[in-house]
Amino acid sequence: MVEKRQQHQEVETIPLAYPDNYSYDPRTNKLTKTGNHRSKLVLNPEAIEFLMKIDQPIAVVSIQGPTRSGKSYIISTLLGGRRDAFSIGHSTSSHTMGIWISTTLIQNDGFAVLLMDCEGALAVDSNPNNDVAIMLLSALLSSTFIYNSKVVPNTADINQLHFMVKLIGNIKTTDESKNRSIQPNELVSHMPEFIWLFRDAFLVPTNDGVPCSLDEYVMKKVFRIDQAGDSDAIRLSNTTSRVILNYYRGVKPFALGIPCNSNLLQDVANLTDDQLNTDFVKTRNEFIKYLETNVQPKVGANGLPIKGPILVELIKAYTVSINTPGSVPLIQNTWDAIVSTKLVETLNIAVNHYETKMVERLDNKLPLETEALLIIHNSVISETNQLAIGKIGSLAEIDQIDQLITDLKNKISEFTVEQENGKDKVSITGGILFKWVQLNNEASLIQSRQVMVPIAKQFQQEFMENQDRDFKEVLSQLPIVKGPFLLRAIGPMKLKVWKEFVDEVYRQEEQFNRLKQHQLLLIEESKKNMNLQLEAEAFNNTLADTEKIVCQQQKEFNDSITAIVNSQTQHFNEMKENAERNRIESEARLNNLIQSNQAEQESSIKRHLEYMKQQNQEMEKTAAEIERLKRSGGGRRGFRVFGVRLW
């Protein structure tokens, strides 16, 4: 630890706990006496915050002892560099009030070392109850407890440690042990190593006049538990020795020589090693080396190292107990309460971690296949379990960790197991995972239905509306459609959507058959309409042919009429010409007759003129009839010419 401690960094110390008749100013880092009556210890929030950030196993080395015995100087030397990191006083009154800690941690192999300087005991103005409270709190928090006193003691001097008896008397492990004396085996695992540091020691220890090691001297000559006699002093000495030897994890004495000449003592913090006594420097370095090699992390009631946050919980719990009149610290109960609280906190942290990680892994990525969702869940729950174990591992017993993991599992997922086709079917029914299962189901349902829309539309058009097939043929197409749908649909609800589609197809069977029958009727009706159309076209063709014939006949008739009219006109003209000729001839003959036989032929001529008159009238009628025929186109009833019916 000599090599590993900070050599040049500015070291700061802050109060961890101080008497309530003082006020603390964090700006100046000083305590100021208020004049109030001292009744309890007050925790410094800044120190608590500092300790909460220590995320590694932590060893706590505290120093206690009579005031003006050089505690602050010797613990400051453990930090290197400045030797007044912990404030040093030079009066008969205690200079350190309460408990102070260094904000510089000494890094050892795998853990940090926290140094703690405690208010001196046995000052002229001190209260024994206050001394015990400070010693009790420091002893409960420490993994190494250094008791600093002057010179090497003898058997009679052991009584200066009588406070240890009172200290042990104020510690219990459980409620059950309150009303009886606590046994060493119940307490030893909770107590620190006890180092008795003798200052200004210059005598050579001997055992029965023979020089011996300090360890042998202290164990055989100071810590005697079998002294004969009934005096109070002997009984107190025996009891104190028994308590120290039996209730602490180990006992180790150390002796440091006089650091320097008396005229330099008040400035000892500013002296370099060259200015200090060689023997002091040698024994001091041996002491620091021992600490570096033997200091151990503070352990909990389960025997595992603790970190800063758990140390804080112990500090809070023990301070409340020490501040409460009539109360004694219950180590196991306190530990169990802390573990219980931390188990709940860890469970909540783990649950929140699981929720956060699931959001990170699944946000905007649903739907997923159930297997993919469970793979992500298993990955996150594994990470969450490791987090939970890491948070609580140094506190809880194996069964408590198992229960924590079980509680975490129940928070995250509740499930039921049913038999289906001879196999176990696991159904998630509750917990955080169930929420994600529901969200995945909802996303899967939406996505699968979106995939189904075009597939169903195409199926409807190609098969359901195609009346060339019967319904069995339609159903035979379902497996062909199923493959592309399942390939594109995602998540556990795609089979539900497929079943909805198939059910809908079956529901349309009756309608399909009705449409099929209606289609057949339409086809039959269409055939009938086609035949009628063909008949109508044939009739129209016949009618057209007839019309052509009639038109031809009409033309031929008109041509005949025209020919007849022309013939009759010519005949009429010829008759008219003949009549005119005959008239002229008749008139000539008449004149001849008159001349020859006027009387005889007069009647004959009259008859002939009458006949000619009739012929002229007949011809005029004929001409009028011809003219009428020309205007009317002939007509269909025919007409008569010279008594003959034409048409």
Foldseek 3Di string as FASTA:
>chain_A
DLVQADADDDKAKAAQKFWPQWDADVVVRDIHGNPDDTQAIDGDVVVLVLLQPWQFFEAEEEEEEAAPLCQQQLLLVLRHHFSCNPPDDDDLAWPDGAKMKMSGWGDAVRYTYIYIYGTYPPGPPDDVLRSLLRVLLSFQLHQEYEYGDEEDDFQLVLLVLLSLVVSQLQEAADPVCVPDRDFQVRAALRGHEYEYEYEQYDDFADDPPHGDDSVCRCVPGHLDQDDDDDDPSNNSSNSSSCSNPRNYNYYHYAYAHHFADPVCVVVSSVDDSVRTDPRRVVSSVVVSVCCSPDGDGRAAPVSFGDGSNVSSLSSVQQSVQSSDPPGGHNRNVSLVVSLVVQLVVLLVVLLVQLVVQLCVVPPVPADAAPVVLVVSSVVSLVVSLVSSCSSNVRRDDPVSSVVSSVVSCVQAWDWDWDADPNDTDIDTDDHVVVVVLVVRLVRLQVQLVVLVVVLLVVLCVPPLPDLVDALVVSVVCLVVSVVVSVVRRHYDCNVVVSVVSVVVSVVCNVVSVVVSVVVVVVVVVVVVVVVVVVVVVVVVVVVVVVVVVVVVVLVVVLVVLVVVLVVVVVVLVVVVVVLVVVVVVLVVVQVVCCVVPNPVCVVVSVVVVVVSVVVVVLSVVQVVVSVVCVVVSQDDQADDRPRRGDD
